Amino acid sequence: MLAALEALRSEPGVPPFDIEVVDVDADPALEAKYDELVPVLADEEGGELCYYFLDAAKVREYLGSFK
């Protein structure tokens, strides 16, 4: 998913965004919350955008909400 996010970041028209990689297995609360749903893409407030694979359309829609 990280490679797909990096590719999305370089697409024309996609607003700039930061990526923070968090080791879910290193945090017992995150491990309990996400368990088998890794990798997971979450926003800054912890809202999940997608699991396993990048949902580029959903991420574009989310990023577009900040314009």
N, C-alpha and C. Protein backbone atom coordinates (compact mmCIF):
# COMPACT_ATOMS: atom_id res chain seq x y z
N MET A 1 0.83 -1.18 0.00
CA MET A 1 0.00 0.00 0.00
C MET A 1 0.88 1.26 0.00
N LEU A 2 2.02 1.18 0.64
CA LEU A 2 2.91 2.35 0.70
C LEU A 2 3.37 2.75 -0.70
N ALA A 3 3.73 1.78 -1.52
CA ALA A 3 4.16 2.08 -2.89
C ALA A 3 3.03 2.73 -3.68
N ALA A 4 1.81 2.24 -3.49
CA ALA A 4 0.66 2.81 -4.19
C ALA A 4 0.39 4.24 -3.71
N LEU A 5 0.57 4.50 -2.42
CA LEU A 5 0.40 5.86 -1.90
C LEU A 5 1.45 6.80 -2.48
N GLU A 6 2.68 6.32 -2.57
CA GLU A 6 3.75 7.14 -3.16
C GLU A 6 3.42 7.46 -4.62
N ALA A 7 2.91 6.50 -5.35
CA ALA A 7 2.54 6.73 -6.75
C ALA A 7 1.39 7.73 -6.83
N LEU A 8 0.41 7.59 -5.95
CA LEU A 8 -0.72 8.51 -5.94
C LEU A 8 -0.26 9.93 -5.64
N ARG A 9 0.68 10.05 -4.72
CA ARG A 9 1.20 11.37 -4.34
C ARG A 9 1.79 12.12 -5.54
N SER A 10 2.34 11.39 -6.49
CA SER A 10 2.99 12.04 -7.63
C SER A 10 2.04 12.30 -8.80
N GLU A 11 0.78 11.89 -8.68
CA GLU A 11 -0.17 12.11 -9.76
C GLU A 11 -0.56 13.59 -9.85
N PRO A 12 -0.70 14.10 -11.08
CA PRO A 12 -1.13 15.49 -11.24
C PRO A 12 -2.52 15.70 -10.64
N GLY A 13 -2.70 16.82 -9.99
CA GLY A 13 -3.99 17.18 -9.43
C GLY A 13 -4.27 16.64 -8.05
N VAL A 14 -3.41 15.76 -7.55
CA VAL A 14 -3.60 15.24 -6.20
C VAL A 14 -2.94 16.20 -5.22
N PRO A 15 -3.70 16.70 -4.25
CA PRO A 15 -3.12 17.63 -3.28
C PRO A 15 -1.97 16.96 -2.53
N PRO A 16 -0.99 17.75 -2.11
CA PRO A 16 0.13 17.16 -1.36
C PRO A 16 -0.36 16.58 -0.03
N PHE A 17 0.27 15.49 0.39
CA PHE A 17 -0.07 14.88 1.67
C PHE A 17 1.15 14.17 2.23
N ASP A 18 1.17 14.05 3.55
CA ASP A 18 2.24 13.36 4.25
C ASP A 18 1.81 11.93 4.52
N ILE A 19 2.80 11.06 4.65
CA ILE A 19 2.56 9.67 4.99
C ILE A 19 3.33 9.37 6.27
N GLU A 20 2.64 8.84 7.26
CA GLU A 20 3.30 8.40 8.48
C GLU A 20 3.08 6.90 8.60
N VAL A 21 4.17 6.16 8.62
CA VAL A 21 4.09 4.71 8.75
C VAL A 21 4.16 4.36 10.24
N VAL A 22 3.19 3.60 10.70
CA VAL A 22 3.10 3.20 12.10
C VAL A 22 3.13 1.68 12.16
N ASP A 23 3.96 1.13 13.03
CA ASP A 23 4.02 -0.32 13.22
C ASP A 23 2.88 -0.73 14.14
N VAL A 24 1.83 -1.26 13.57
CA VAL A 24 0.64 -1.66 14.34
C VAL A 24 1.00 -2.71 15.38
N ASP A 25 1.90 -3.62 15.05
CA ASP A 25 2.27 -4.68 15.98
C ASP A 25 3.03 -4.17 17.20
N ALA A 26 3.57 -2.97 17.13
CA ALA A 26 4.33 -2.40 18.25
C ALA A 26 3.44 -1.71 19.27
N ASP A 27 2.16 -1.56 18.96
CA ASP A 27 1.23 -0.87 19.85
C ASP A 27 0.08 -1.81 20.16
N PRO A 28 -0.03 -2.29 21.39
CA PRO A 28 -1.09 -3.25 21.72
C PRO A 28 -2.50 -2.76 21.40
N ALA A 29 -2.77 -1.48 21.58
CA ALA A 29 -4.11 -0.96 21.29
C ALA A 29 -4.39 -1.01 19.79
N LEU A 30 -3.41 -0.64 18.97
CA LEU A 30 -3.60 -0.70 17.52
C LEU A 30 -3.68 -2.14 17.04
N GLU A 31 -2.87 -2.99 17.64
CA GLU A 31 -2.90 -4.40 17.25
C GLU A 31 -4.27 -5.00 17.57
N ALA A 32 -4.84 -4.67 18.71
CA ALA A 32 -6.17 -5.16 19.08
C ALA A 32 -7.24 -4.60 18.14
N LYS A 33 -7.09 -3.33 17.75
CA LYS A 33 -8.10 -2.68 16.89
C LYS A 33 -8.07 -3.22 15.47
N TYR A 34 -6.87 -3.38 14.90
CA TYR A 34 -6.75 -3.73 13.49
C TYR A 34 -6.47 -5.20 13.23
N ASP A 35 -5.86 -5.90 14.17
CA ASP A 35 -5.60 -7.33 14.10
C ASP A 35 -5.19 -7.76 12.69
N GLU A 36 -6.09 -8.36 11.95
CA GLU A 36 -5.78 -8.88 10.61
C GLU A 36 -6.03 -7.86 9.49
N LEU A 37 -6.40 -6.65 9.83
CA LEU A 37 -6.74 -5.64 8.82
C LEU A 37 -5.53 -4.79 8.42
N VAL A 38 -4.36 -5.38 8.41
CA VAL A 38 -3.13 -4.67 8.11
C VAL A 38 -2.66 -5.07 6.72
N PRO A 39 -2.21 -4.16 5.89
CA PRO A 39 -2.06 -2.74 6.19
C PRO A 39 -3.41 -2.01 6.17
N VAL A 40 -3.43 -0.94 6.92
CA VAL A 40 -4.61 -0.09 7.01
C VAL A 40 -4.19 1.35 6.75
N LEU A 41 -5.03 2.09 6.07
CA LEU A 41 -4.77 3.51 5.85
C LEU A 41 -5.81 4.28 6.65
N ALA A 42 -5.33 5.10 7.57
CA ALA A 42 -6.22 5.87 8.42
C ALA A 42 -5.89 7.36 8.29
N ASP A 43 -6.89 8.19 8.54
CA ASP A 43 -6.65 9.63 8.53
C ASP A 43 -6.09 10.07 9.89
N GLU A 44 -5.87 11.35 10.03
CA GLU A 44 -5.24 11.88 11.25
C GLU A 44 -6.07 11.62 12.50
N GLU A 45 -7.38 11.50 12.35
CA GLU A 45 -8.25 11.27 13.49
C GLU A 45 -8.47 9.78 13.77
N GLY A 46 -7.86 8.93 12.98
CA GLY A 46 -8.00 7.49 13.17
C GLY A 46 -9.12 6.86 12.37
N GLY A 47 -9.76 7.64 11.51
CA GLY A 47 -10.80 7.08 10.64
C GLY A 47 -10.17 6.26 9.53
N GLU A 48 -10.65 5.05 9.35
CA GLU A 48 -10.06 4.16 8.35
C GLU A 48 -10.55 4.51 6.95
N LEU A 49 -9.61 4.59 6.02
CA LEU A 49 -9.94 4.85 4.62
C LEU A 49 -9.97 3.57 3.81
N CYS A 50 -9.04 2.65 4.08
CA CYS A 50 -9.02 1.38 3.36
C CYS A 50 -8.10 0.39 4.07
N TYR A 51 -8.30 -0.87 3.74
CA TYR A 51 -7.49 -1.96 4.29
C TYR A 51 -6.89 -2.77 3.14
N TYR A 52 -5.76 -3.40 3.42
CA TYR A 52 -5.08 -4.33 2.51
C TYR A 52 -4.54 -3.67 1.25
N PHE A 53 -5.42 -3.01 0.48
CA PHE A 53 -5.01 -2.39 -0.78
C PHE A 53 -5.49 -0.95 -0.80
N LEU A 54 -4.78 -0.11 -1.50
CA LEU A 54 -5.15 1.30 -1.60
C LEU A 54 -6.43 1.46 -2.41
N ASP A 55 -7.39 2.15 -1.84
CA ASP A 55 -8.60 2.55 -2.55
C ASP A 55 -8.34 3.99 -3.02
N ALA A 56 -7.70 4.12 -4.18
CA ALA A 56 -7.25 5.42 -4.66
C ALA A 56 -8.41 6.40 -4.81
N ALA A 57 -9.55 5.93 -5.26
CA ALA A 57 -10.70 6.82 -5.44
C ALA A 57 -11.14 7.40 -4.09
N LYS A 58 -11.18 6.56 -3.07
CA LYS A 58 -11.58 7.03 -1.74
C LYS A 58 -10.55 8.02 -1.18
N VAL A 59 -9.28 7.77 -1.41
CA VAL A 59 -8.24 8.68 -0.92
C VAL A 59 -8.31 10.01 -1.67
N ARG A 60 -8.53 9.97 -2.98
CA ARG A 60 -8.67 11.21 -3.75
C ARG A 60 -9.87 12.02 -3.23
N GLU A 61 -10.99 11.32 -2.96
CA GLU A 61 -12.18 11.99 -2.43
C GLU A 61 -11.88 12.61 -1.07
N TYR A 62 -11.19 11.88 -0.21
CA TYR A 62 -10.83 12.39 1.11
C TYR A 62 -9.93 13.62 0.99
N LEU A 63 -8.91 13.53 0.15
CA LEU A 63 -8.00 14.66 -0.02
C LEU A 63 -8.72 15.86 -0.64
N GLY A 64 -9.65 15.61 -1.54
CA GLY A 64 -10.41 16.69 -2.17
C GLY A 64 -11.29 17.44 -1.20
N SER A 65 -11.62 16.83 -0.08
CA SER A 65 -12.48 17.49 0.89
C SER A 65 -11.76 18.63 1.62
N PHE A 66 -10.46 18.77 1.42
CA PHE A 66 -9.68 19.81 2.08
C PHE A 66 -9.47 21.04 1.21
N LYS A 67 -9.98 21.03 0.00
CA LYS A 67 -9.77 22.16 -0.91
C LYS A 67 -10.60 23.34 -0.49
